[in-house]
Amino acid sequence: MIKTDQFRKRLKIEINNEPYVMLDVDFVRPGKGQGFVRTKLKNLMTGSTTERTFKSNETAKPATVNDYDMQFLYNDGDGYTFMNMETYDQVSIMEDVLADAVNYLYENMEVNVSFYNDMPISVEVPNFVEMEITDCEPGIKGNSATNTLKPAVVSSGYRLNVPLFIDQNEWIRIDTRDGSYVERCKRPEGR
């Protein structure tokens, strides 16, 4: 059991048989009475956040969440197959577990997969990925002065808005935290 004085950000605990990660921890010591700990928690299964206050004498059960570096192999229609980089074991993960990460996957991409009780619960992709534009209107030269955007589709099927000067078959960098265009880039080696 973990005591409240050991609470810190990124600590994973179990509440009602579900894993949570601490996003924020605030130790409060009032002038009178017993101190307490105010926390902001994220449910690792559902992604929802909640706030919870713990008394100073309370304890929390540590969550057994294991993180593994894995490589995305392919999508077979039923699920997305990943390979553990150390053991070479393969696991199929359903689209609902992947959430937004499904928009940025490409073959041989390395990701971090979290497991709770040997079940995959989340997939974390890098903050920035390079992808090829597979469909968009032709680029217009000289239109880099305005902030006007046009719709485009990248190789994973994800749709986003890009500047007017971007052409089909060009490579762009995407911020996976908000799904936005960052900049043009060169084709990454090996892709």
N, C-alpha and C. Protein backbone atom coordinates (compact mmCIF):
# COMPACT_ATOMS: atom_id res chain seq x y z
N MET A 1 0.84 -1.19 0.00
CA MET A 1 0.00 0.00 0.00
C MET A 1 0.88 1.25 0.00
N ILE A 2 0.39 2.28 -0.65
CA ILE A 2 1.12 3.53 -0.78
C ILE A 2 0.49 4.57 0.15
N LYS A 3 1.30 5.18 1.00
CA LYS A 3 0.81 6.21 1.91
C LYS A 3 0.70 7.54 1.17
N THR A 4 -0.13 8.43 1.69
CA THR A 4 -0.36 9.71 1.02
C THR A 4 0.90 10.56 0.94
N ASP A 5 1.84 10.41 1.85
CA ASP A 5 3.07 11.21 1.77
C ASP A 5 3.98 10.73 0.63
N GLN A 6 3.65 9.60 0.00
CA GLN A 6 4.42 9.09 -1.14
C GLN A 6 3.75 9.41 -2.48
N PHE A 7 2.59 10.10 -2.44
CA PHE A 7 1.89 10.46 -3.67
C PHE A 7 2.73 11.44 -4.47
N ARG A 8 2.73 11.30 -5.79
CA ARG A 8 3.44 12.19 -6.70
C ARG A 8 2.79 12.08 -8.08
N LYS A 9 3.11 13.04 -8.95
CA LYS A 9 2.59 12.99 -10.31
C LYS A 9 3.07 11.74 -11.00
N ARG A 10 2.26 11.20 -11.90
CA ARG A 10 2.51 10.00 -12.71
C ARG A 10 2.46 8.69 -11.90
N LEU A 11 2.11 8.76 -10.60
CA LEU A 11 1.97 7.55 -9.79
C LEU A 11 0.69 6.83 -10.23
N LYS A 12 0.77 5.52 -10.40
CA LYS A 12 -0.38 4.74 -10.84
C LYS A 12 -0.94 3.98 -9.65
N ILE A 13 -2.23 4.21 -9.38
CA ILE A 13 -2.91 3.54 -8.27
C ILE A 13 -4.17 2.86 -8.77
N GLU A 14 -4.73 2.00 -7.91
CA GLU A 14 -5.95 1.27 -8.26
C GLU A 14 -7.07 1.71 -7.34
N ILE A 15 -8.20 2.10 -7.94
CA ILE A 15 -9.40 2.47 -7.18
C ILE A 15 -10.57 1.71 -7.78
N ASN A 16 -11.30 0.97 -6.94
CA ASN A 16 -12.44 0.17 -7.39
C ASN A 16 -12.06 -0.74 -8.56
N ASN A 17 -10.93 -1.40 -8.47
CA ASN A 17 -10.42 -2.34 -9.47
C ASN A 17 -10.18 -1.72 -10.84
N GLU A 18 -9.89 -0.42 -10.88
CA GLU A 18 -9.55 0.26 -12.13
C GLU A 18 -8.28 1.07 -11.92
N PRO A 19 -7.38 1.08 -12.92
CA PRO A 19 -6.12 1.82 -12.77
C PRO A 19 -6.28 3.31 -13.05
N TYR A 20 -5.63 4.12 -12.24
CA TYR A 20 -5.62 5.57 -12.39
C TYR A 20 -4.19 6.07 -12.33
N VAL A 21 -3.93 7.18 -12.99
CA VAL A 21 -2.63 7.85 -12.90
C VAL A 21 -2.88 9.23 -12.31
N MET A 22 -1.98 9.65 -11.41
CA MET A 22 -2.11 10.96 -10.77
C MET A 22 -1.57 12.04 -11.70
N LEU A 23 -2.44 12.97 -12.08
CA LEU A 23 -2.05 14.08 -12.94
C LEU A 23 -1.57 15.27 -12.12
N ASP A 24 -2.16 15.44 -10.94
CA ASP A 24 -1.79 16.56 -10.08
C ASP A 24 -1.96 16.13 -8.62
N VAL A 25 -1.01 16.54 -7.78
CA VAL A 25 -1.04 16.20 -6.36
C VAL A 25 -0.78 17.48 -5.58
N ASP A 26 -1.67 17.78 -4.62
CA ASP A 26 -1.53 18.99 -3.82
C ASP A 26 -1.69 18.62 -2.34
N PHE A 27 -0.60 18.78 -1.57
CA PHE A 27 -0.65 18.51 -0.14
C PHE A 27 -1.17 19.76 0.57
N VAL A 28 -2.26 19.62 1.35
CA VAL A 28 -2.88 20.75 2.03
C VAL A 28 -2.75 20.53 3.53
N ARG A 29 -2.17 21.55 4.21
CA ARG A 29 -2.03 21.50 5.66
C ARG A 29 -2.75 22.71 6.24
N PRO A 30 -4.00 22.53 6.63
CA PRO A 30 -4.75 23.68 7.16
C PRO A 30 -4.21 24.08 8.54
N GLY A 31 -4.55 25.29 8.97
CA GLY A 31 -4.10 25.77 10.28
C GLY A 31 -4.62 24.90 11.41
N LYS A 32 -5.85 24.46 11.29
CA LYS A 32 -6.45 23.59 12.30
C LYS A 32 -6.87 22.29 11.61
N GLY A 33 -6.84 21.24 12.35
CA GLY A 33 -7.31 19.97 11.82
C GLY A 33 -6.22 19.19 11.09
N GLN A 34 -6.65 18.08 10.56
CA GLN A 34 -5.74 17.14 9.91
C GLN A 34 -5.47 17.55 8.46
N GLY A 35 -4.24 17.32 7.99
CA GLY A 35 -3.89 17.61 6.62
C GLY A 35 -4.53 16.59 5.67
N PHE A 36 -4.56 16.95 4.39
CA PHE A 36 -5.11 16.05 3.38
C PHE A 36 -4.39 16.26 2.06
N VAL A 37 -4.67 15.36 1.11
CA VAL A 37 -4.05 15.43 -0.20
C VAL A 37 -5.15 15.52 -1.25
N ARG A 38 -5.11 16.58 -2.07
CA ARG A 38 -6.07 16.77 -3.14
C ARG A 38 -5.40 16.28 -4.43
N THR A 39 -6.04 15.36 -5.16
CA THR A 39 -5.44 14.81 -6.36
C THR A 39 -6.37 14.94 -7.56
N LYS A 40 -5.77 15.00 -8.74
CA LYS A 40 -6.51 14.92 -10.00
C LYS A 40 -6.07 13.62 -10.64
N LEU A 41 -7.02 12.74 -10.92
CA LEU A 41 -6.74 11.39 -11.41
C LEU A 41 -7.31 11.17 -12.81
N LYS A 42 -6.58 10.40 -13.60
CA LYS A 42 -7.07 10.01 -14.93
C LYS A 42 -7.25 8.50 -14.94
N ASN A 43 -8.45 8.07 -15.32
CA ASN A 43 -8.74 6.65 -15.44
C ASN A 43 -8.03 6.12 -16.69
N LEU A 44 -7.14 5.14 -16.52
CA LEU A 44 -6.37 4.62 -17.65
C LEU A 44 -7.20 3.73 -18.57
N MET A 45 -8.35 3.28 -18.11
CA MET A 45 -9.22 2.44 -18.95
C MET A 45 -10.13 3.31 -19.83
N THR A 46 -10.72 4.35 -19.25
CA THR A 46 -11.69 5.15 -19.98
C THR A 46 -11.15 6.50 -20.45
N GLY A 47 -10.08 6.98 -19.83
CA GLY A 47 -9.51 8.27 -20.19
C GLY A 47 -10.17 9.44 -19.49
N SER A 48 -11.19 9.19 -18.68
CA SER A 48 -11.88 10.28 -17.98
C SER A 48 -11.04 10.75 -16.78
N THR A 49 -11.23 12.01 -16.39
CA THR A 49 -10.50 12.54 -15.24
C THR A 49 -11.47 12.84 -14.11
N THR A 50 -10.95 12.77 -12.89
CA THR A 50 -11.75 13.03 -11.71
C THR A 50 -10.85 13.61 -10.63
N GLU A 51 -11.44 14.27 -9.66
CA GLU A 51 -10.68 14.78 -8.53
C GLU A 51 -11.08 14.00 -7.30
N ARG A 52 -10.09 13.73 -6.44
CA ARG A 52 -10.37 12.97 -5.23
C ARG A 52 -9.47 13.49 -4.12
N THR A 53 -10.03 13.57 -2.93
CA THR A 53 -9.28 14.02 -1.75
C THR A 53 -9.03 12.81 -0.85
N PHE A 54 -7.78 12.68 -0.41
CA PHE A 54 -7.38 11.60 0.50
C PHE A 54 -7.01 12.21 1.85
N LYS A 55 -7.46 11.60 2.96
CA LYS A 55 -7.02 12.03 4.28
C LYS A 55 -5.56 11.63 4.46
N SER A 56 -4.86 12.28 5.36
CA SER A 56 -3.43 12.02 5.51
C SER A 56 -3.11 10.62 6.00
N ASN A 57 -4.05 9.94 6.63
CA ASN A 57 -3.78 8.58 7.12
C ASN A 57 -4.28 7.49 6.16
N GLU A 58 -4.82 7.88 4.99
CA GLU A 58 -5.31 6.90 4.01
C GLU A 58 -4.16 6.31 3.21
N THR A 59 -4.42 5.16 2.61
CA THR A 59 -3.46 4.54 1.71
C THR A 59 -4.15 4.20 0.40
N ALA A 60 -3.35 3.96 -0.62
CA ALA A 60 -3.89 3.57 -1.93
C ALA A 60 -3.14 2.34 -2.40
N LYS A 61 -3.85 1.52 -3.13
CA LYS A 61 -3.25 0.30 -3.68
C LYS A 61 -2.52 0.63 -4.98
N PRO A 62 -1.26 0.21 -5.12
CA PRO A 62 -0.56 0.48 -6.38
C PRO A 62 -1.16 -0.33 -7.52
N ALA A 63 -1.27 0.27 -8.68
CA ALA A 63 -1.80 -0.42 -9.86
C ALA A 63 -0.66 -1.12 -10.57
N THR A 64 -0.90 -2.33 -10.99
CA THR A 64 0.10 -3.09 -11.72
C THR A 64 -0.08 -2.81 -13.21
N VAL A 65 0.49 -1.70 -13.63
CA VAL A 65 0.44 -1.28 -15.04
C VAL A 65 1.84 -1.40 -15.60
N ASN A 66 1.98 -2.20 -16.63
CA ASN A 66 3.28 -2.40 -17.27
C ASN A 66 3.30 -1.71 -18.62
N ASP A 67 4.39 -1.00 -18.88
CA ASP A 67 4.57 -0.30 -20.16
C ASP A 67 5.63 -1.03 -20.97
N TYR A 68 5.34 -1.25 -22.26
CA TYR A 68 6.27 -1.95 -23.14
C TYR A 68 6.46 -1.15 -24.43
N ASP A 69 7.69 -1.13 -24.92
CA ASP A 69 7.96 -0.56 -26.24
C ASP A 69 7.56 -1.60 -27.27
N MET A 70 6.66 -1.22 -28.17
CA MET A 70 6.17 -2.16 -29.17
C MET A 70 6.22 -1.52 -30.54
N GLN A 71 6.16 -2.37 -31.56
CA GLN A 71 6.21 -1.93 -32.95
C GLN A 71 4.89 -2.29 -33.62
N PHE A 72 4.29 -1.30 -34.31
CA PHE A 72 3.05 -1.56 -35.04
C PHE A 72 3.39 -2.35 -36.30
N LEU A 73 2.70 -3.48 -36.52
CA LEU A 73 2.96 -4.32 -37.69
C LEU A 73 1.92 -4.12 -38.78
N TYR A 74 0.64 -4.35 -38.46
CA TYR A 74 -0.39 -4.26 -39.49
C TYR A 74 -1.78 -4.22 -38.87
N ASN A 75 -2.76 -3.83 -39.70
CA ASN A 75 -4.17 -3.85 -39.34
C ASN A 75 -4.83 -4.94 -40.19
N ASP A 76 -5.41 -5.93 -39.54
CA ASP A 76 -6.03 -7.03 -40.28
C ASP A 76 -7.55 -6.90 -40.39
N GLY A 77 -8.09 -5.75 -40.02
CA GLY A 77 -9.54 -5.57 -40.08
C GLY A 77 -10.21 -5.86 -38.75
N ASP A 78 -9.72 -6.86 -38.01
CA ASP A 78 -10.28 -7.19 -36.69
C ASP A 78 -9.58 -6.42 -35.58
N GLY A 79 -8.31 -6.11 -35.78
CA GLY A 79 -7.54 -5.41 -34.77
C GLY A 79 -6.20 -4.97 -35.34
N TYR A 80 -5.46 -4.26 -34.52
CA TYR A 80 -4.15 -3.75 -34.90
C TYR A 80 -3.10 -4.59 -34.19
N THR A 81 -2.17 -5.16 -34.95
CA THR A 81 -1.17 -6.07 -34.39
C THR A 81 0.12 -5.33 -34.07
N PHE A 82 0.59 -5.54 -32.84
CA PHE A 82 1.82 -4.94 -32.35
C PHE A 82 2.76 -6.04 -31.88
N MET A 83 4.09 -5.77 -31.98
CA MET A 83 5.08 -6.74 -31.54
C MET A 83 5.93 -6.13 -30.43
N ASN A 84 6.11 -6.89 -29.34
CA ASN A 84 6.98 -6.48 -28.25
C ASN A 84 8.41 -6.46 -28.76
N MET A 85 9.13 -5.36 -28.56
CA MET A 85 10.48 -5.19 -29.10
C MET A 85 11.52 -6.07 -28.39
N GLU A 86 11.21 -6.55 -27.17
CA GLU A 86 12.17 -7.38 -26.44
C GLU A 86 11.89 -8.87 -26.60
N THR A 87 10.62 -9.26 -26.48
CA THR A 87 10.29 -10.69 -26.49
C THR A 87 9.80 -11.18 -27.85
N TYR A 88 9.48 -10.25 -28.75
CA TYR A 88 8.93 -10.55 -30.08
C TYR A 88 7.54 -11.18 -30.03
N ASP A 89 6.88 -11.11 -28.86
CA ASP A 89 5.49 -11.56 -28.75
C ASP A 89 4.60 -10.57 -29.48
N GLN A 90 3.53 -11.08 -30.11
CA GLN A 90 2.61 -10.22 -30.83
C GLN A 90 1.27 -10.18 -30.11
N VAL A 91 0.63 -9.01 -30.15
CA VAL A 91 -0.66 -8.82 -29.51
C VAL A 91 -1.54 -8.00 -30.45
N SER A 92 -2.82 -8.36 -30.51
CA SER A 92 -3.78 -7.62 -31.32
C SER A 92 -4.57 -6.69 -30.40
N ILE A 93 -4.64 -5.41 -30.79
CA ILE A 93 -5.32 -4.41 -29.97
C ILE A 93 -6.49 -3.85 -30.77
N MET A 94 -7.64 -3.75 -30.13
CA MET A 94 -8.84 -3.26 -30.79
C MET A 94 -8.80 -1.74 -30.95
N GLU A 95 -9.54 -1.23 -31.93
CA GLU A 95 -9.53 0.19 -32.27
C GLU A 95 -9.99 1.08 -31.12
N ASP A 96 -10.94 0.61 -30.30
CA ASP A 96 -11.42 1.46 -29.20
C ASP A 96 -10.35 1.69 -28.13
N VAL A 97 -9.41 0.77 -27.98
CA VAL A 97 -8.29 0.96 -27.04
C VAL A 97 -7.29 1.97 -27.61
N LEU A 98 -7.12 1.95 -28.92
CA LEU A 98 -6.17 2.86 -29.57
C LEU A 98 -6.62 4.32 -29.51
N ALA A 99 -7.90 4.56 -29.51
CA ALA A 99 -8.47 5.91 -29.50
C ALA A 99 -7.90 6.74 -30.65
N ASP A 100 -7.38 7.93 -30.38
CA ASP A 100 -6.85 8.81 -31.43
C ASP A 100 -5.55 8.31 -32.04
N ALA A 101 -4.84 7.42 -31.37
CA ALA A 101 -3.57 6.91 -31.88
C ALA A 101 -3.74 6.23 -33.24
N VAL A 102 -4.94 5.72 -33.53
CA VAL A 102 -5.19 5.03 -34.79
C VAL A 102 -4.97 5.96 -35.99
N ASN A 103 -5.12 7.26 -35.79
CA ASN A 103 -4.95 8.24 -36.87
C ASN A 103 -3.50 8.41 -37.32
N TYR A 104 -2.55 7.98 -36.50
CA TYR A 104 -1.15 8.28 -36.76
C TYR A 104 -0.28 7.04 -36.96
N LEU A 105 -0.87 5.86 -36.99
CA LEU A 105 -0.09 4.63 -37.10
C LEU A 105 0.40 4.39 -38.52
N TYR A 106 1.62 3.90 -38.64
CA TYR A 106 2.18 3.45 -39.91
C TYR A 106 3.06 2.24 -39.62
N GLU A 107 3.32 1.43 -40.65
CA GLU A 107 4.09 0.20 -40.47
C GLU A 107 5.43 0.46 -39.82
N ASN A 108 5.79 -0.41 -38.89
CA ASN A 108 7.07 -0.40 -38.16
C ASN A 108 7.21 0.78 -37.20
N MET A 109 6.15 1.50 -36.93
CA MET A 109 6.19 2.61 -35.97
C MET A 109 6.36 2.07 -34.56
N GLU A 110 7.24 2.71 -33.77
CA GLU A 110 7.45 2.30 -32.38
C GLU A 110 6.56 3.14 -31.47
N VAL A 111 5.81 2.46 -30.61
CA VAL A 111 4.89 3.11 -29.69
C VAL A 111 5.08 2.52 -28.29
N ASN A 112 4.44 3.14 -27.29
CA ASN A 112 4.46 2.62 -25.94
C ASN A 112 3.07 2.10 -25.62
N VAL A 113 2.97 0.83 -25.23
CA VAL A 113 1.68 0.22 -24.93
C VAL A 113 1.63 -0.10 -23.44
N SER A 114 0.54 0.32 -22.76
CA SER A 114 0.35 0.05 -21.34
C SER A 114 -0.60 -1.13 -21.18
N PHE A 115 -0.22 -2.05 -20.28
CA PHE A 115 -1.03 -3.23 -19.99
C PHE A 115 -1.44 -3.21 -18.52
N TYR A 116 -2.70 -3.55 -18.26
CA TYR A 116 -3.21 -3.69 -16.90
C TYR A 116 -3.79 -5.09 -16.81
N ASN A 117 -3.28 -5.90 -15.89
CA ASN A 117 -3.68 -7.31 -15.76
C ASN A 117 -3.58 -8.03 -17.11
N ASP A 118 -2.47 -7.82 -17.80
CA ASP A 118 -2.15 -8.45 -19.08
C ASP A 118 -3.12 -8.09 -20.21
N MET A 119 -3.90 -7.02 -20.04
CA MET A 119 -4.79 -6.53 -21.09
C MET A 119 -4.30 -5.15 -21.53
N PRO A 120 -4.18 -4.91 -22.85
CA PRO A 120 -3.75 -3.57 -23.30
C PRO A 120 -4.83 -2.54 -22.98
N ILE A 121 -4.40 -1.41 -22.39
CA ILE A 121 -5.38 -0.38 -22.02
C ILE A 121 -5.12 0.95 -22.74
N SER A 122 -3.89 1.18 -23.23
CA SER A 122 -3.64 2.42 -23.95
C SER A 122 -2.39 2.29 -24.82
N VAL A 123 -2.38 3.09 -25.88
CA VAL A 123 -1.24 3.14 -26.80
C VAL A 123 -0.82 4.61 -26.91
N GLU A 124 0.46 4.86 -26.66
CA GLU A 124 0.98 6.22 -26.71
C GLU A 124 1.92 6.36 -27.91
N VAL A 125 1.56 7.25 -28.83
CA VAL A 125 2.39 7.51 -30.02
C VAL A 125 3.30 8.70 -29.73
N PRO A 126 4.37 8.89 -30.52
CA PRO A 126 5.22 10.07 -30.32
C PRO A 126 4.42 11.37 -30.51
N ASN A 127 4.91 12.47 -29.95
CA ASN A 127 4.22 13.76 -30.05
C ASN A 127 4.14 14.27 -31.48
N PHE A 128 5.13 13.91 -32.32
CA PHE A 128 5.14 14.35 -33.71
C PHE A 128 5.39 13.16 -34.62
N VAL A 129 4.63 13.07 -35.72
CA VAL A 129 4.84 12.02 -36.72
C VAL A 129 4.91 12.64 -38.10
N GLU A 130 5.64 11.98 -39.00
CA GLU A 130 5.73 12.42 -40.38
C GLU A 130 4.86 11.50 -41.23
N MET A 131 3.97 12.09 -42.02
CA MET A 131 3.07 11.30 -42.86
C MET A 131 2.97 11.94 -44.24
N GLU A 132 2.59 11.10 -45.22
CA GLU A 132 2.47 11.55 -46.60
C GLU A 132 1.04 11.98 -46.90
N ILE A 133 0.89 13.08 -47.61
CA ILE A 133 -0.43 13.53 -48.06
C ILE A 133 -0.85 12.64 -49.23
N THR A 134 -1.97 11.95 -49.10
CA THR A 134 -2.43 11.07 -50.17
C THR A 134 -3.54 11.70 -51.00
N ASP A 135 -4.21 12.72 -50.44
CA ASP A 135 -5.29 13.34 -51.19
C ASP A 135 -5.47 14.78 -50.72
N CYS A 136 -5.39 15.72 -51.67
CA CYS A 136 -5.72 17.12 -51.40
C CYS A 136 -5.78 17.86 -52.74
N GLU A 137 -6.36 19.04 -52.70
CA GLU A 137 -6.42 19.87 -53.91
C GLU A 137 -4.99 20.28 -54.27
N PRO A 138 -4.74 20.59 -55.54
CA PRO A 138 -3.39 21.01 -55.94
C PRO A 138 -2.93 22.25 -55.18
N GLY A 139 -1.62 22.31 -54.91
CA GLY A 139 -1.05 23.46 -54.21
C GLY A 139 -1.02 24.68 -55.10
N ILE A 140 -1.10 25.84 -54.49
CA ILE A 140 -1.09 27.09 -55.24
C ILE A 140 0.15 27.86 -54.82
N LYS A 141 1.07 28.08 -55.74
CA LYS A 141 2.31 28.79 -55.44
C LYS A 141 2.01 30.24 -55.06
N GLY A 142 2.78 30.74 -54.11
CA GLY A 142 2.61 32.12 -53.70
C GLY A 142 1.54 32.33 -52.65
N ASN A 143 0.89 31.27 -52.20
CA ASN A 143 -0.17 31.40 -51.20
C ASN A 143 0.33 31.10 -49.79
N SER A 144 1.59 31.39 -49.53
CA SER A 144 2.10 31.13 -48.20
C SER A 144 1.94 32.33 -47.27
N ALA A 145 1.47 33.44 -47.80
CA ALA A 145 1.32 34.65 -47.00
C ALA A 145 0.04 34.64 -46.16
N THR A 146 -0.97 33.91 -46.58
CA THR A 146 -2.23 33.89 -45.83
C THR A 146 -2.29 32.67 -44.92
N ASN A 147 -3.21 32.72 -43.99
CA ASN A 147 -3.41 31.60 -43.06
C ASN A 147 -4.56 30.71 -43.50
N THR A 148 -4.90 30.74 -44.77
CA THR A 148 -6.01 29.94 -45.29
C THR A 148 -5.59 28.48 -45.36
N LEU A 149 -6.51 27.59 -44.98
CA LEU A 149 -6.23 26.16 -44.96
C LEU A 149 -7.17 25.42 -45.90
N LYS A 150 -6.75 24.22 -46.30
CA LYS A 150 -7.59 23.36 -47.14
C LYS A 150 -7.56 21.95 -46.55
N PRO A 151 -8.60 21.15 -46.81
CA PRO A 151 -8.62 19.78 -46.28
C PRO A 151 -7.63 18.88 -47.01
N ALA A 152 -7.08 17.91 -46.26
CA ALA A 152 -6.16 16.93 -46.84
C ALA A 152 -6.32 15.61 -46.10
N VAL A 153 -5.88 14.53 -46.74
CA VAL A 153 -5.92 13.20 -46.15
C VAL A 153 -4.50 12.64 -46.17
N VAL A 154 -4.05 12.07 -45.02
CA VAL A 154 -2.72 11.47 -44.96
C VAL A 154 -2.83 9.96 -45.16
N SER A 155 -1.69 9.28 -45.23
CA SER A 155 -1.64 7.85 -45.57
C SER A 155 -2.42 6.95 -44.62
N SER A 156 -2.65 7.37 -43.38
CA SER A 156 -3.43 6.56 -42.44
C SER A 156 -4.94 6.73 -42.62
N GLY A 157 -5.34 7.71 -43.47
CA GLY A 157 -6.75 8.00 -43.66
C GLY A 157 -7.23 9.16 -42.80
N TYR A 158 -6.35 9.70 -41.98
CA TYR A 158 -6.71 10.83 -41.11
C TYR A 158 -6.87 12.10 -41.93
N ARG A 159 -7.92 12.87 -41.63
CA ARG A 159 -8.20 14.12 -42.33
C ARG A 159 -7.80 15.29 -41.44
N LEU A 160 -7.11 16.27 -42.06
CA LEU A 160 -6.73 17.48 -41.34
C LEU A 160 -6.64 18.64 -42.31
N ASN A 161 -6.48 19.83 -41.79
CA ASN A 161 -6.35 21.03 -42.62
C ASN A 161 -4.88 21.40 -42.74
N VAL A 162 -4.47 21.72 -43.98
CA VAL A 162 -3.08 22.10 -44.27
C VAL A 162 -3.09 23.42 -45.05
N PRO A 163 -1.96 24.14 -45.07
CA PRO A 163 -1.89 25.39 -45.85
C PRO A 163 -2.11 25.14 -47.34
N LEU A 164 -2.50 26.18 -48.06
CA LEU A 164 -2.81 26.08 -49.49
C LEU A 164 -1.63 25.64 -50.35
N PHE A 165 -0.40 25.91 -49.94
CA PHE A 165 0.76 25.59 -50.78
C PHE A 165 1.18 24.12 -50.71
N ILE A 166 0.58 23.31 -49.84
CA ILE A 166 0.91 21.89 -49.72
C ILE A 166 0.29 21.13 -50.88
N ASP A 167 1.07 20.20 -51.46
CA ASP A 167 0.63 19.38 -52.58
C ASP A 167 0.44 17.93 -52.18
N GLN A 168 -0.28 17.19 -53.00
CA GLN A 168 -0.41 15.74 -52.82
C GLN A 168 0.97 15.10 -52.95
N ASN A 169 1.21 14.00 -52.24
CA ASN A 169 2.46 13.23 -52.20
C ASN A 169 3.58 13.96 -51.47
N GLU A 170 3.31 15.08 -50.82
CA GLU A 170 4.30 15.74 -49.98
C GLU A 170 4.23 15.15 -48.58
N TRP A 171 5.31 15.29 -47.83
CA TRP A 171 5.36 14.80 -46.45
C TRP A 171 5.21 15.98 -45.50
N ILE A 172 4.42 15.76 -44.44
CA ILE A 172 4.22 16.80 -43.44
C ILE A 172 4.43 16.22 -42.05
N ARG A 173 4.70 17.10 -41.10
CA ARG A 173 4.82 16.72 -39.70
C ARG A 173 3.51 17.09 -39.01
N ILE A 174 2.97 16.17 -38.21
CA ILE A 174 1.70 16.36 -37.52
C ILE A 174 1.93 16.27 -36.01
N ASP A 175 1.30 17.19 -35.27
CA ASP A 175 1.33 17.15 -33.81
C ASP A 175 0.21 16.21 -33.36
N THR A 176 0.58 15.06 -32.78
CA THR A 176 -0.42 14.05 -32.41
C THR A 176 -1.23 14.44 -31.18
N ARG A 177 -0.79 15.46 -30.44
CA ARG A 177 -1.54 15.88 -29.25
C ARG A 177 -2.84 16.58 -29.62
N ASP A 178 -2.83 17.31 -30.76
CA ASP A 178 -4.06 17.97 -31.18
C ASP A 178 -4.44 17.69 -32.64
N GLY A 179 -3.62 16.87 -33.34
CA GLY A 179 -3.94 16.48 -34.71
C GLY A 179 -3.73 17.56 -35.74
N SER A 180 -2.89 18.54 -35.46
CA SER A 180 -2.73 19.67 -36.37
C SER A 180 -1.45 19.57 -37.20
N TYR A 181 -1.48 20.27 -38.34
CA TYR A 181 -0.33 20.39 -39.22
C TYR A 181 0.73 21.24 -38.51
N VAL A 182 2.02 20.82 -38.61
CA VAL A 182 3.11 21.58 -38.02
C VAL A 182 3.96 22.22 -39.11
N GLU A 183 4.47 21.37 -40.03
CA GLU A 183 5.35 21.89 -41.08
C GLU A 183 5.55 20.85 -42.17
N ARG A 184 6.12 21.28 -43.29
CA ARG A 184 6.57 20.37 -44.34
C ARG A 184 7.82 19.66 -43.83
N CYS A 185 8.05 18.46 -44.36
CA CYS A 185 9.29 17.77 -44.01
C CYS A 185 9.69 16.85 -45.16
N LYS A 186 10.89 16.32 -45.06
CA LYS A 186 11.37 15.38 -46.06
C LYS A 186 10.87 13.99 -45.70
N ARG A 187 10.82 13.13 -46.71
CA ARG A 187 10.43 11.74 -46.50
C ARG A 187 11.44 11.10 -45.53
N PRO A 188 10.96 10.53 -44.42
CA PRO A 188 11.86 9.89 -43.46
C PRO A 188 12.58 8.68 -44.08
N GLU A 189 13.81 8.44 -43.67
CA GLU A 189 14.56 7.30 -44.20
C GLU A 189 13.85 6.01 -43.84
N GLY A 190 13.84 5.07 -44.77
CA GLY A 190 13.23 3.77 -44.54
C GLY A 190 11.74 3.72 -44.75
N ARG A 191 11.13 4.81 -45.20
CA ARG A 191 9.65 4.81 -45.41
C ARG A 191 9.39 5.10 -46.84
